[in-house]
Amino acid sequence: YIVFGSALIVLSMIVISNSSDIGYAFGDEQAAAGNDECRRWERGEQVSVEQSERKPKVASIVLFVLGFIALDFSNNIVQGPCRALLADVAPESQQPLGNSYITAWIAVGNIAGYMAGWVNWSRILPFMVT
């Protein structure tokens, strides 16, 4: 369960981070980098879209929401067996302490995850610049 849940976490993060590009493959419009010009595929070629013609990015939004639901689901898949393993391994007198440690480390991981979104990764890892 833990390995499957971890793989599902990675997959859902890939879907979330690339939902705009995947949505573009399903027909959503895509804004060009650095300006307000928007493009979409029409009969095998890219065409420019005027501001008044733009449509909501439905496929991108649906993919993002589904990826987020899968991420929440897979986090629970990973955490459940870890808590059950604690109940199997730790003596009964130490289980509350072990559960406190698990909860504290989950909180540290959540904080680190939120802070990872704040870091300017392209400055630290220049190969990530697109």
Protein backbone atom coordinates (compact mmCIF):
# COMPACT_ATOMS: atom_id res chain seq x y z
CA TYR A 1 0.00 0.00 0.00
CA ILE A 2 2.75 2.42 0.88
CA VAL A 3 4.60 1.94 -2.44
CA PHE A 4 1.36 2.14 -4.45
CA GLY A 5 0.29 5.26 -2.54
CA SER A 6 3.69 6.87 -3.10
CA ALA A 7 3.50 6.18 -6.83
CA LEU A 8 0.01 7.67 -6.90
CA ILE A 9 1.32 10.77 -5.08
CA VAL A 10 3.99 11.23 -7.75
CA LEU A 11 1.47 10.72 -10.55
CA SER A 12 -1.02 13.16 -9.07
CA MET A 13 1.72 15.78 -8.59
CA ILE A 14 2.69 15.39 -12.25
CA VAL A 15 -0.96 15.86 -13.30
CA ILE A 16 -1.38 18.91 -11.03
CA SER A 17 1.81 20.62 -12.17
CA ASN A 18 1.13 19.98 -15.86
CA SER A 19 -2.66 20.37 -15.90
CA SER A 20 -2.45 23.45 -18.11
CA ASP A 21 -0.31 21.71 -20.72
CA ILE A 22 -2.38 18.51 -20.61
CA GLY A 23 -5.54 20.62 -20.90
CA TYR A 24 -4.02 22.32 -23.95
CA ALA A 25 -3.62 18.88 -25.52
CA PHE A 26 -7.36 18.35 -24.92
CA GLY A 27 -8.26 21.61 -26.67
CA ASP A 28 -7.87 24.37 -24.08
CA GLU A 29 -6.35 27.68 -25.14
CA GLN A 30 -2.85 28.44 -23.95
CA ALA A 31 -1.37 31.86 -23.24
CA ALA A 32 2.01 32.55 -24.81
CA ALA A 33 4.81 33.30 -22.33
CA GLY A 34 5.42 36.95 -21.59
CA ASN A 35 2.34 38.48 -23.24
CA ASP A 36 -1.44 38.33 -23.34
CA GLU A 37 -1.56 36.50 -26.67
CA CYS A 38 -3.45 33.23 -26.48
CA ARG A 39 -3.22 30.29 -28.89
CA ARG A 40 -5.25 27.16 -29.61
CA TRP A 41 -5.12 24.27 -32.06
CA GLU A 42 -7.44 24.49 -35.04
CA ARG A 43 -7.32 22.01 -37.93
CA GLY A 44 -3.76 20.93 -37.12
CA GLU A 45 -2.20 24.38 -36.67
CA GLN A 46 -1.94 26.98 -33.93
CA VAL A 47 -4.06 30.11 -34.34
CA SER A 48 -4.10 33.28 -32.26
CA VAL A 49 -7.18 33.98 -30.13
CA GLU A 50 -8.49 37.48 -29.43
CA GLN A 51 -9.21 38.59 -25.85
CA SER A 52 -12.97 38.63 -26.47
CA GLU A 53 -12.96 35.06 -27.90
CA ARG A 54 -11.22 33.34 -24.98
CA LYS A 55 -12.98 30.44 -23.32
CA PRO A 56 -12.49 29.05 -19.82
CA LYS A 57 -9.87 26.32 -19.54
CA VAL A 58 -12.32 23.60 -18.58
CA ALA A 59 -10.04 20.61 -19.24
CA SER A 60 -7.18 22.17 -17.25
CA ILE A 61 -9.46 22.93 -14.31
CA VAL A 62 -10.97 19.43 -14.31
CA LEU A 63 -7.52 17.81 -14.49
CA PHE A 64 -6.24 19.99 -11.64
CA VAL A 65 -9.21 19.15 -9.41
CA LEU A 66 -8.97 15.42 -10.19
CA GLY A 67 -5.20 15.51 -9.52
CA PHE A 68 -5.79 17.25 -6.19
CA ILE A 69 -8.42 14.67 -5.18
CA ALA A 70 -6.02 11.87 -6.17
CA LEU A 71 -3.27 13.55 -4.11
CA ASP A 72 -5.48 13.71 -1.03
CA PHE A 73 -6.59 10.11 -1.55
CA SER A 74 -3.03 8.84 -2.03
CA ASN A 75 -1.77 10.71 1.05
CA ASN A 76 -4.35 8.80 3.08
CA ILE A 77 -3.27 5.54 1.41
CA VAL A 78 0.29 6.14 2.62
CA GLN A 79 -0.54 7.40 6.12
CA GLY A 80 -2.98 4.63 7.05
CA PRO A 81 -0.52 1.72 6.88
CA CYS A 82 2.15 3.78 8.66
CA ARG A 83 -0.18 4.34 11.61
CA ALA A 84 -1.21 0.67 11.60
CA LEU A 85 2.45 -0.37 11.55
CA LEU A 86 3.03 1.74 14.65
CA ALA A 87 0.22 -0.07 16.45
CA ASP A 88 1.75 -3.43 15.49
CA VAL A 89 5.37 -2.62 16.36
CA ALA A 90 5.29 -0.30 19.38
CA PRO A 91 4.38 -1.53 22.85
CA GLU A 92 0.97 -0.37 24.04
CA SER A 93 2.49 2.05 26.55
CA GLN A 94 4.47 3.84 23.81
CA GLN A 95 1.74 4.03 21.16
CA PRO A 96 0.48 7.51 22.17
CA LEU A 97 4.04 8.83 22.00
CA GLY A 98 4.60 7.17 18.62
CA ASN A 99 1.36 8.59 17.29
CA SER A 100 2.48 12.04 18.47
CA TYR A 101 5.76 11.63 16.58
CA ILE A 102 3.94 10.58 13.40
CA THR A 103 1.58 13.56 13.67
CA ALA A 104 4.46 15.97 14.31
CA TRP A 105 6.44 14.71 11.30
CA ILE A 106 3.35 14.93 9.09
CA ALA A 107 3.00 18.57 10.20
CA VAL A 108 6.69 19.23 9.43
CA GLY A 109 6.19 17.67 5.99
CA ASN A 110 3.13 19.83 5.35
CA ILE A 111 5.01 22.98 6.29
CA ALA A 112 7.97 21.97 4.09
CA GLY A 113 5.58 21.25 1.22
CA TYR A 114 3.94 24.66 1.46
CA MET A 115 7.33 26.37 1.71
CA ALA A 116 8.56 24.50 -1.37
CA GLY A 117 5.99 26.44 -3.39
CA TRP A 118 7.43 29.71 -2.09
CA VAL A 119 11.04 29.00 -3.16
CA ASN A 120 12.23 30.40 -6.48
CA TRP A 121 13.47 27.05 -7.83
CA SER A 122 14.57 28.41 -11.21
CA ARG A 123 17.10 30.65 -9.47
CA ILE A 124 18.46 27.80 -7.35
CA LEU A 125 18.30 25.18 -10.16
CA PRO A 126 18.84 27.08 -13.43
CA PHE A 127 18.07 24.05 -15.62
CA MET A 128 14.41 24.39 -14.57
CA VAL A 129 13.93 27.64 -16.51
CA THR A 130 11.58 27.23 -19.44
